[in-house]
Amino acid sequence: MKPIDYNKYRATKNIITPVRFLIFHYTAGNFSSSINTLTGPNVSVHYLVPDITDPSYLKAGYTRQEVFNLVDETKRAWHAGVSAWGNRSNLNDTSISVEIVNLATFSQGVFNFPPYQPEQIAAVEELALDILERYPDISPTQVLGHSDIAVGRKSDPGPKFPWHALYLKGVGAWFDEVTRDTYLQQYNESGIPARSDLLKLFKTYGYDVSGASTEQGFAHLVRAFQLHFRPETYNGMMDAQTAANLAALVHKYFP
């Protein structure tokens, strides 16, 4: 599927090089509002993946799954905001971004995360694999969600994003279950690691732990991790399962 050049992107003079990150977002709006926002003066993205069941997409005259190229890959898109991963910050400078149309909402302290459409995910997979083939500096641990790089500030692409299924197709990172189960047994028997040891694991994997010195900050960090690597439970509470998932990831990618 060749992405459509929507021909409305706000190009900048700033060239991103080298590309080291692939960042996924959800739009929290329909196709029409997303196009208006992402081609405006303040926010932009390299690719937009619509939802083919979205009435505003159908009204625009599209009848099949498309991918829209809104900013050239050589140009910086303004999608990440205040962000950090590993020893890097301001990830707009070194990342390719993908927004996925999804009507996630936050109202009166409650999030609602609708499922993604299968056609969308197939398009995301194809796009991501193409990007990863062309940018070998993007390692599996540098395929991330906005929530990973903006801890406590963002929740996209949310717990319904199929990280594990994409990993099985070659996109992103995931832990080995046998290793995870070994850590889980250990933590169930002896207790989870101390807070300081958990923070070291988070930092080793790449998360920004600078805001985790308070209980609220630590809960935000745990929730960000769970949204990606324990999507069935993203309450921000550290437990043996979450700790085991984290330890298994570090064991696999940072031995």
C-alpha atoms as a PDB file:
ATOM      1  CA  MET A   1       0.000   0.000   0.000  1.00  0.00           C
ATOM      2  CA  LYS A   2       1.645   3.234  -1.129  1.00  0.00           C
ATOM      3  CA  PRO A   3       0.830   6.114   1.238  1.00  0.00           C
ATOM      4  CA  ILE A   4      -1.140   8.964  -0.286  1.00  0.00           C
ATOM      5  CA  ASP A   5       0.580  12.345  -0.248  1.00  0.00           C
ATOM      6  CA  TYR A   6      -2.250  14.495   1.074  1.00  0.00           C
ATOM      7  CA  ASN A   7      -0.334  17.542  -0.200  1.00  0.00           C
ATOM      8  CA  LYS A   8      -1.288  19.746   2.728  1.00  0.00           C
ATOM      9  CA  TYR A   9       1.560  19.090   5.100  1.00  0.00           C
ATOM     10  CA  ARG A  10       3.280  21.962   6.869  1.00  0.00           C
ATOM     11  CA  ALA A  11       6.864  21.333   5.778  1.00  0.00           C
ATOM     12  CA  THR A  12       9.648  22.702   7.953  1.00  0.00           C
ATOM     13  CA  LYS A  13      13.232  23.543   7.193  1.00  0.00           C
ATOM     14  CA  ASN A  14      14.377  21.190   9.915  1.00  0.00           C
ATOM     15  CA  ILE A  15      15.599  17.843   8.646  1.00  0.00           C
ATOM     16  CA  ILE A  16      15.561  14.905  11.048  1.00  0.00           C
ATOM     17  CA  THR A  17      18.659  12.742  10.957  1.00  0.00           C
ATOM     18  CA  PRO A  18      19.317  10.091  11.865  1.00  0.00           C
ATOM     19  CA  VAL A  19      15.909   8.522  12.415  1.00  0.00           C
ATOM     20  CA  ARG A  20      16.027   6.416  15.580  1.00  0.00           C
ATOM     21  CA  PHE A  21      12.399   6.150  16.715  1.00  0.00           C
ATOM     22  CA  LEU A  22       9.014   5.118  15.404  1.00  0.00           C
ATOM     23  CA  ILE A  23       6.219   6.635  17.500  1.00  0.00           C
ATOM     24  CA  PHE A  24       2.537   5.646  17.421  1.00  0.00           C
ATOM     25  CA  HIS A  25      -0.347   7.908  18.456  1.00  0.00           C
ATOM     26  CA  TYR A  26      -4.118   7.877  18.387  1.00  0.00           C
ATOM     27  CA  THR A  27      -5.973  10.931  17.156  1.00  0.00           C
ATOM     28  CA  ALA A  28      -8.850  11.058  19.691  1.00  0.00           C
ATOM     29  CA  GLY A  29     -10.891  12.451  16.807  1.00  0.00           C
ATOM     30  CA  ASN A  30     -12.419  11.404  13.506  1.00  0.00           C
ATOM     31  CA  PHE A  31     -10.732  11.613  10.118  1.00  0.00           C
ATOM     32  CA  SER A  32     -12.027  15.074   9.282  1.00  0.00           C
ATOM     33  CA  SER A  33     -11.003  16.680  12.569  1.00  0.00           C
ATOM     34  CA  SER A  34      -7.673  14.848  12.520  1.00  0.00           C
ATOM     35  CA  ILE A  35      -6.794  16.160   9.060  1.00  0.00           C
ATOM     36  CA  ASN A  36      -7.669  19.692  10.160  1.00  0.00           C
ATOM     37  CA  THR A  37      -5.571  19.419  13.306  1.00  0.00           C
ATOM     38  CA  LEU A  38      -2.595  17.668  11.779  1.00  0.00           C
ATOM     39  CA  THR A  39      -2.301  20.049   8.827  1.00  0.00           C
ATOM     40  CA  GLY A  40      -2.694  23.158  10.979  1.00  0.00           C
ATOM     41  CA  PRO A  41      -0.023  25.446  12.426  1.00  0.00           C
ATOM     42  CA  ASN A  42       0.690  23.670  15.712  1.00  0.00           C
ATOM     43  CA  VAL A  43       0.623  19.867  15.325  1.00  0.00           C
ATOM     44  CA  SER A  44       1.798  17.616  12.510  1.00  0.00           C
ATOM     45  CA  VAL A  45       2.599  13.987  11.839  1.00  0.00           C
ATOM     46  CA  HIS A  46       4.335  11.995   9.149  1.00  0.00           C
ATOM     47  CA  TYR A  47       1.544   9.469   8.558  1.00  0.00           C
ATOM     48  CA  LEU A  48      -2.163   9.255   9.285  1.00  0.00           C
ATOM     49  CA  VAL A  49      -3.992   5.908   9.199  1.00  0.00           C
ATOM     50  CA  PRO A  50      -7.777   6.401   9.007  1.00  0.00           C
ATOM     51  CA  ASP A  51     -10.616   4.166  10.117  1.00  0.00           C
ATOM     52  CA  ILE A  52     -12.588   2.934   7.109  1.00  0.00           C
ATOM     53  CA  THR A  53     -15.805   2.826   9.184  1.00  0.00           C
ATOM     54  CA  ASP A  54     -15.508   6.532  10.071  1.00  0.00           C
ATOM     55  CA  PRO A  55     -18.432   8.440   8.485  1.00  0.00           C
ATOM     56  CA  SER A  56     -16.245  11.513   7.918  1.00  0.00           C
ATOM     57  CA  TYR A  57     -13.755   9.351   5.998  1.00  0.00           C
ATOM     58  CA  LEU A  58     -16.486   7.917   3.816  1.00  0.00           C
ATOM     59  CA  LYS A  59     -17.971  11.384   3.310  1.00  0.00           C
ATOM     60  CA  ALA A  60     -14.584  12.549   2.030  1.00  0.00           C
ATOM     61  CA  GLY A  61     -14.985  10.039  -0.797  1.00  0.00           C
ATOM     62  CA  TYR A  62     -12.688   7.246   0.328  1.00  0.00           C
ATOM     63  CA  THR A  63     -13.916   3.671   0.086  1.00  0.00           C
ATOM     64  CA  ARG A  64     -10.879   1.599   1.076  1.00  0.00           C
ATOM     65  CA  GLN A  65      -8.088   1.659   3.611  1.00  0.00           C
ATOM     66  CA  GLU A  66      -5.514   4.313   2.795  1.00  0.00           C
ATOM     67  CA  VAL A  67      -2.439   5.721   4.509  1.00  0.00           C
ATOM     68  CA  PHE A  68      -1.828   9.469   4.236  1.00  0.00           C
ATOM     69  CA  ASN A  69       1.646  10.960   4.143  1.00  0.00           C
ATOM     70  CA  LEU A  70       1.284  14.416   5.740  1.00  0.00           C
ATOM     71  CA  VAL A  71       4.929  15.318   6.335  1.00  0.00           C
ATOM     72  CA  ASP A  72       7.911  14.136   4.355  1.00  0.00           C
ATOM     73  CA  GLU A  73      10.026  11.678   6.328  1.00  0.00           C
ATOM     74  CA  THR A  74      13.063  13.911   5.941  1.00  0.00           C
ATOM     75  CA  LYS A  75      11.290  16.756   7.771  1.00  0.00           C
ATOM     76  CA  ARG A  76      10.527  17.147  11.430  1.00  0.00           C
ATOM     77  CA  ALA A  77       6.887  16.664  12.446  1.00  0.00           C
ATOM     78  CA  TRP A  78       5.530  18.244  15.612  1.00  0.00           C
ATOM     79  CA  HIS A  79       3.932  15.270  17.300  1.00  0.00           C
ATOM     80  CA  ALA A  80       5.823  14.281  20.455  1.00  0.00           C
ATOM     81  CA  GLY A  81       6.001  17.486  22.468  1.00  0.00           C
ATOM     82  CA  VAL A  82       7.987  17.240  25.675  1.00  0.00           C
ATOM     83  CA  SER A  83       9.373  13.720  25.366  1.00  0.00           C
ATOM     84  CA  ALA A  84      12.268  11.504  26.380  1.00  0.00           C
ATOM     85  CA  TRP A  85      13.582   7.993  25.869  1.00  0.00           C
ATOM     86  CA  GLY A  86      16.933   6.647  26.987  1.00  0.00           C
ATOM     87  CA  ASN A  87      19.478   9.434  26.752  1.00  0.00           C
ATOM     88  CA  ARG A  88      17.457  11.420  24.216  1.00  0.00           C
ATOM     89  CA  SER A  89      14.864  14.142  24.602  1.00  0.00           C
ATOM     90  CA  ASN A  90      12.776  16.202  22.179  1.00  0.00           C
ATOM     91  CA  LEU A  91      12.068  13.150  20.074  1.00  0.00           C
ATOM     92  CA  ASN A  92      10.524  15.192  17.285  1.00  0.00           C
ATOM     93  CA  ASP A  93      14.093  15.559  16.073  1.00  0.00           C
ATOM     94  CA  THR A  94      14.775  11.872  15.535  1.00  0.00           C
ATOM     95  CA  SER A  95      11.449  10.109  15.023  1.00  0.00           C
ATOM     96  CA  ILE A  96       8.911   9.141  12.406  1.00  0.00           C
ATOM     97  CA  SER A  97       5.360   9.458  13.668  1.00  0.00           C
ATOM     98  CA  VAL A  98       2.151   7.606  12.873  1.00  0.00           C
ATOM     99  CA  GLU A  99      -1.280   8.832  13.986  1.00  0.00           C
ATOM    100  CA  ILE A 100      -4.121   6.317  13.929  1.00  0.00           C
ATOM    101  CA  VAL A 101      -7.710   7.517  13.850  1.00  0.00           C
ATOM    102  CA  ASN A 102      -9.362   6.309  17.045  1.00  0.00           C
ATOM    103  CA  LEU A 103     -12.080   7.936  19.132  1.00  0.00           C
ATOM    104  CA  ALA A 104     -10.439   7.474  22.516  1.00  0.00           C
ATOM    105  CA  THR A 105     -11.924   9.813  25.127  1.00  0.00           C
ATOM    106  CA  PHE A 106     -11.208  11.065  28.629  1.00  0.00           C
ATOM    107  CA  SER A 107     -14.182  12.352  30.602  1.00  0.00           C
ATOM    108  CA  GLN A 108     -14.607  12.955  34.336  1.00  0.00           C
ATOM    109  CA  GLY A 109     -11.443  11.052  35.106  1.00  0.00           C
ATOM    110  CA  VAL A 110     -12.379   7.996  33.044  1.00  0.00           C
ATOM    111  CA  PHE A 111     -10.696   6.840  29.824  1.00  0.00           C
ATOM    112  CA  ASN A 112     -12.553   5.029  27.063  1.00  0.00           C
ATOM    113  CA  PHE A 113     -10.385   3.172  24.563  1.00  0.00           C
ATOM    114  CA  PRO A 114     -12.322   1.851  21.540  1.00  0.00           C
ATOM    115  CA  PRO A 115     -10.778  -1.036  19.601  1.00  0.00           C
ATOM    116  CA  TYR A 116      -8.844  -0.409  16.420  1.00  0.00           C
ATOM    117  CA  GLN A 117     -10.227  -1.675  13.132  1.00  0.00           C
ATOM    118  CA  PRO A 118      -8.483  -4.764  11.660  1.00  0.00           C
ATOM    119  CA  GLU A 119      -7.912  -2.981   8.343  1.00  0.00           C
ATOM    120  CA  GLN A 120      -6.197  -0.146  10.202  1.00  0.00           C
ATOM    121  CA  ILE A 121      -3.839  -2.496  11.991  1.00  0.00           C
ATOM    122  CA  ALA A 122      -2.985  -4.301   8.758  1.00  0.00           C
ATOM    123  CA  ALA A 123      -2.095  -0.928   7.236  1.00  0.00           C
ATOM    124  CA  VAL A 124      -0.081   0.042  10.330  1.00  0.00           C
ATOM    125  CA  GLU A 125       1.826  -3.240  10.150  1.00  0.00           C
ATOM    126  CA  GLU A 126       2.655  -2.784   6.470  1.00  0.00           C
ATOM    127  CA  LEU A 127       3.712   0.823   6.982  1.00  0.00           C
ATOM    128  CA  ALA A 128       5.799   0.036  10.068  1.00  0.00           C
ATOM    129  CA  LEU A 129       7.643  -2.840   8.429  1.00  0.00           C
ATOM    130  CA  ASP A 130       8.454  -0.625   5.461  1.00  0.00           C
ATOM    131  CA  ILE A 131       9.774   2.127   7.745  1.00  0.00           C
ATOM    132  CA  LEU A 132      11.840  -0.290   9.830  1.00  0.00           C
ATOM    133  CA  GLU A 133      13.388  -1.806   6.724  1.00  0.00           C
ATOM    134  CA  ARG A 134      14.480   1.612   5.527  1.00  0.00           C
ATOM    135  CA  TYR A 135      15.708   2.867   8.917  1.00  0.00           C
ATOM    136  CA  PRO A 136      17.784   0.111  10.539  1.00  0.00           C
ATOM    137  CA  ASP A 137      18.792   2.415  13.419  1.00  0.00           C
ATOM    138  CA  ILE A 138      15.276   1.983  14.841  1.00  0.00           C
ATOM    139  CA  SER A 139      15.764  -0.927  17.219  1.00  0.00           C
ATOM    140  CA  PRO A 140      12.802  -2.916  18.610  1.00  0.00           C
ATOM    141  CA  THR A 141      12.959  -1.002  21.906  1.00  0.00           C
ATOM    142  CA  GLN A 142      12.667   2.264  20.004  1.00  0.00           C
ATOM    143  CA  VAL A 143       9.267   1.448  18.512  1.00  0.00           C
ATOM    144  CA  LEU A 144       7.112   3.236  21.045  1.00  0.00           C
ATOM    145  CA  GLY A 145       3.831   4.845  21.933  1.00  0.00           C
ATOM    146  CA  HIS A 146       3.361   8.465  22.859  1.00  0.00           C
ATOM    147  CA  SER A 147       2.599   7.284  26.391  1.00  0.00           C
ATOM    148  CA  ASP A 148       6.055   5.677  26.612  1.00  0.00           C
ATOM    149  CA  ILE A 149       7.909   8.877  25.784  1.00  0.00           C
ATOM    150  CA  ALA A 150       5.614  11.321  27.615  1.00  0.00           C
ATOM    151  CA  VAL A 151       5.055   9.542  30.930  1.00  0.00           C
ATOM    152  CA  GLY A 152       2.017  10.776  32.803  1.00  0.00           C
ATOM    153  CA  ARG A 153       1.079  13.239  30.076  1.00  0.00           C
ATOM    154  CA  LYS A 154      -0.170  10.961  27.287  1.00  0.00           C
ATOM    155  CA  SER A 155      -2.043   7.644  26.996  1.00  0.00           C
ATOM    156  CA  ASP A 156      -1.894   6.940  23.282  1.00  0.00           C
ATOM    157  CA  PRO A 157      -2.018   4.655  21.443  1.00  0.00           C
ATOM    158  CA  GLY A 158      -3.755   3.055  24.450  1.00  0.00           C
ATOM    159  CA  PRO A 159      -4.255  -0.492  25.745  1.00  0.00           C
ATOM    160  CA  LYS A 160      -6.244  -1.631  22.692  1.00  0.00           C
ATOM    161  CA  PHE A 161      -3.255  -1.111  20.410  1.00  0.00           C
ATOM    162  CA  PRO A 162      -2.018  -4.633  19.513  1.00  0.00           C
ATOM    163  CA  TRP A 163       1.629  -4.328  20.510  1.00  0.00           C
ATOM    164  CA  HIS A 164       2.123  -8.065  20.966  1.00  0.00           C
ATOM    165  CA  ALA A 165       0.521  -8.974  17.632  1.00  0.00           C
ATOM    166  CA  LEU A 166       2.713  -6.413  15.874  1.00  0.00           C
ATOM    167  CA  TYR A 167       5.785  -7.782  17.652  1.00  0.00           C
ATOM    168  CA  LEU A 168       4.996 -11.216  16.269  1.00  0.00           C
ATOM    169  CA  LYS A 169       5.060  -9.672  12.788  1.00  0.00           C
ATOM    170  CA  GLY A 170       8.412  -7.973  13.411  1.00  0.00           C
ATOM    171  CA  VAL A 171       7.368  -4.583  14.774  1.00  0.00           C
ATOM    172  CA  GLY A 172       8.636  -3.512  18.191  1.00  0.00           C
ATOM    173  CA  ALA A 173       9.687  -5.357  21.334  1.00  0.00           C
ATOM    174  CA  TRP A 174       8.095  -7.887  23.673  1.00  0.00           C
ATOM    175  CA  PHE A 175       9.290 -10.100  26.485  1.00  0.00           C
ATOM    176  CA  ASP A 176       9.833 -13.865  26.311  1.00  0.00           C
ATOM    177  CA  GLU A 177       7.123 -15.551  28.327  1.00  0.00           C
ATOM    178  CA  VAL A 178       9.366 -18.300  29.712  1.00  0.00           C
ATOM    179  CA  THR A 179      11.728 -15.690  31.145  1.00  0.00           C
ATOM    180  CA  ARG A 180       8.796 -13.651  32.427  1.00  0.00           C
ATOM    181  CA  ASP A 181       7.334 -16.678  34.176  1.00  0.00           C
ATOM    182  CA  THR A 182      10.655 -17.351  35.895  1.00  0.00           C
ATOM    183  CA  TYR A 183      10.709 -13.815  37.288  1.00  0.00           C
ATOM    184  CA  LEU A 184       7.026 -14.033  38.196  1.00  0.00           C
ATOM    185  CA  GLN A 185       7.566 -17.164  40.256  1.00  0.00           C
ATOM    186  CA  GLN A 186      10.508 -15.523  41.991  1.00  0.00           C
ATOM    187  CA  TYR A 187       8.538 -12.375  42.811  1.00  0.00           C
ATOM    188  CA  ASN A 188       5.490 -14.303  43.987  1.00  0.00           C
ATOM    189  CA  GLU A 189       7.680 -16.242  46.381  1.00  0.00           C
ATOM    190  CA  SER A 190      10.046 -13.521  47.564  1.00  0.00           C
ATOM    191  CA  GLY A 191       8.281 -10.256  46.801  1.00  0.00           C
ATOM    192  CA  ILE A 192       8.811  -7.727  44.051  1.00  0.00           C
ATOM    193  CA  PRO A 193      12.093  -5.792  43.863  1.00  0.00           C
ATOM    194  CA  ALA A 194      12.617  -2.639  45.870  1.00  0.00           C
ATOM    195  CA  ARG A 195      11.456   0.636  44.360  1.00  0.00           C
ATOM    196  CA  SER A 196      15.032   1.695  43.653  1.00  0.00           C
ATOM    197  CA  ASP A 197      15.716  -1.534  41.748  1.00  0.00           C
ATOM    198  CA  LEU A 198      12.517  -1.163  39.744  1.00  0.00           C
ATOM    199  CA  LEU A 199      13.489   2.377  38.775  1.00  0.00           C
ATOM    200  CA  LYS A 200      16.847   1.090  37.562  1.00  0.00           C
ATOM    201  CA  LEU A 201      15.049  -1.436  35.363  1.00  0.00           C
ATOM    202  CA  PHE A 202      12.711   1.218  33.960  1.00  0.00           C
ATOM    203  CA  LYS A 203      15.646   3.520  33.231  1.00  0.00           C
ATOM    204  CA  THR A 204      17.690   0.741  31.649  1.00  0.00           C
ATOM    205  CA  TYR A 205      14.857  -0.089  29.303  1.00  0.00           C
ATOM    206  CA  GLY A 206      14.517   3.553  28.292  1.00  0.00           C
ATOM    207  CA  TYR A 207      11.800   5.188  30.369  1.00  0.00           C
ATOM    208  CA  ASP A 208      12.283   8.663  31.790  1.00  0.00           C
ATOM    209  CA  VAL A 209      12.209   8.142  35.567  1.00  0.00           C
ATOM    210  CA  SER A 210      12.907  11.756  36.521  1.00  0.00           C
ATOM    211  CA  GLY A 211       9.317  12.307  37.653  1.00  0.00           C
ATOM    212  CA  ALA A 212       8.979   9.049  39.599  1.00  0.00           C
ATOM    213  CA  SER A 213      10.278  10.286  42.955  1.00  0.00           C
ATOM    214  CA  THR A 214       6.723  10.799  44.251  1.00  0.00           C
ATOM    215  CA  GLU A 215       4.007   8.189  44.633  1.00  0.00           C
ATOM    216  CA  GLN A 216       1.948   9.829  41.908  1.00  0.00           C
ATOM    217  CA  GLY A 217       4.936  10.076  39.597  1.00  0.00           C
ATOM    218  CA  PHE A 218       5.820   6.433  40.129  1.00  0.00           C
ATOM    219  CA  ALA A 219       2.211   5.423  39.446  1.00  0.00           C
ATOM    220  CA  HIS A 220       2.317   7.381  36.187  1.00  0.00           C
ATOM    221  CA  LEU A 221       5.484   5.550  35.198  1.00  0.00           C
ATOM    222  CA  VAL A 222       3.995   2.150  35.989  1.00  0.00           C
ATOM    223  CA  ARG A 223       0.805   2.989  34.097  1.00  0.00           C
ATOM    224  CA  ALA A 224       2.783   4.091  31.028  1.00  0.00           C
ATOM    225  CA  PHE A 225       4.603   0.777  31.049  1.00  0.00           C
ATOM    226  CA  GLN A 226       1.396  -1.202  31.564  1.00  0.00           C
ATOM    227  CA  LEU A 227      -0.351   0.539  28.661  1.00  0.00           C
ATOM    228  CA  HIS A 228       2.311  -0.955  26.412  1.00  0.00           C
ATOM    229  CA  PHE A 229       3.391  -4.186  28.076  1.00  0.00           C
ATOM    230  CA  ARG A 230       0.487  -5.165  30.360  1.00  0.00           C
ATOM    231  CA  PRO A 231      -2.586  -3.756  28.637  1.00  0.00           C
ATOM    232  CA  GLU A 232      -5.041  -5.940  30.528  1.00  0.00           C
ATOM    233  CA  THR A 233      -4.230  -3.959  33.698  1.00  0.00           C
ATOM    234  CA  TYR A 234      -3.125  -0.330  33.490  1.00  0.00           C
ATOM    235  CA  ASN A 235      -4.034   0.962  36.945  1.00  0.00           C
ATOM    236  CA  GLY A 236      -0.558   2.257  37.738  1.00  0.00           C
ATOM    237  CA  MET A 237      -0.073  -0.201  40.603  1.00  0.00           C
ATOM    238  CA  MET A 238       3.158  -2.169  40.649  1.00  0.00           C
ATOM    239  CA  ASP A 239       2.643  -5.886  41.232  1.00  0.00           C
ATOM    240  CA  ALA A 240       4.532  -9.105  40.576  1.00  0.00           C
ATOM    241  CA  GLN A 241       3.160  -9.465  37.037  1.00  0.00           C
ATOM    242  CA  THR A 242       4.155  -5.964  35.979  1.00  0.00           C
ATOM    243  CA  ALA A 243       7.572  -6.278  37.610  1.00  0.00           C
ATOM    244  CA  ALA A 244       8.158  -9.636  35.907  1.00  0.00           C
ATOM    245  CA  ASN A 245       7.224  -8.232  32.493  1.00  0.00           C
ATOM    246  CA  LEU A 246       9.676  -5.378  33.034  1.00  0.00           C
ATOM    247  CA  ALA A 247      12.501  -7.607  34.240  1.00  0.00           C
ATOM    248  CA  ALA A 248      12.009  -9.992  31.321  1.00  0.00           C
ATOM    249  CA  LEU A 249      12.212  -7.121  28.831  1.00  0.00           C
ATOM    250  CA  VAL A 250      15.447  -5.828  30.321  1.00  0.00           C
ATOM    251  CA  HIS A 251      16.838  -9.373  30.446  1.00  0.00           C
ATOM    252  CA  LYS A 252      16.059  -9.846  26.743  1.00  0.00           C
ATOM    253  CA  TYR A 253      17.151  -6.526  25.287  1.00  0.00           C
ATOM    254  CA  PHE A 254      19.773  -5.279  27.778  1.00  0.00           C
ATOM    255  CA  PRO A 255      21.457  -8.447  29.080  1.00  0.00           C
END
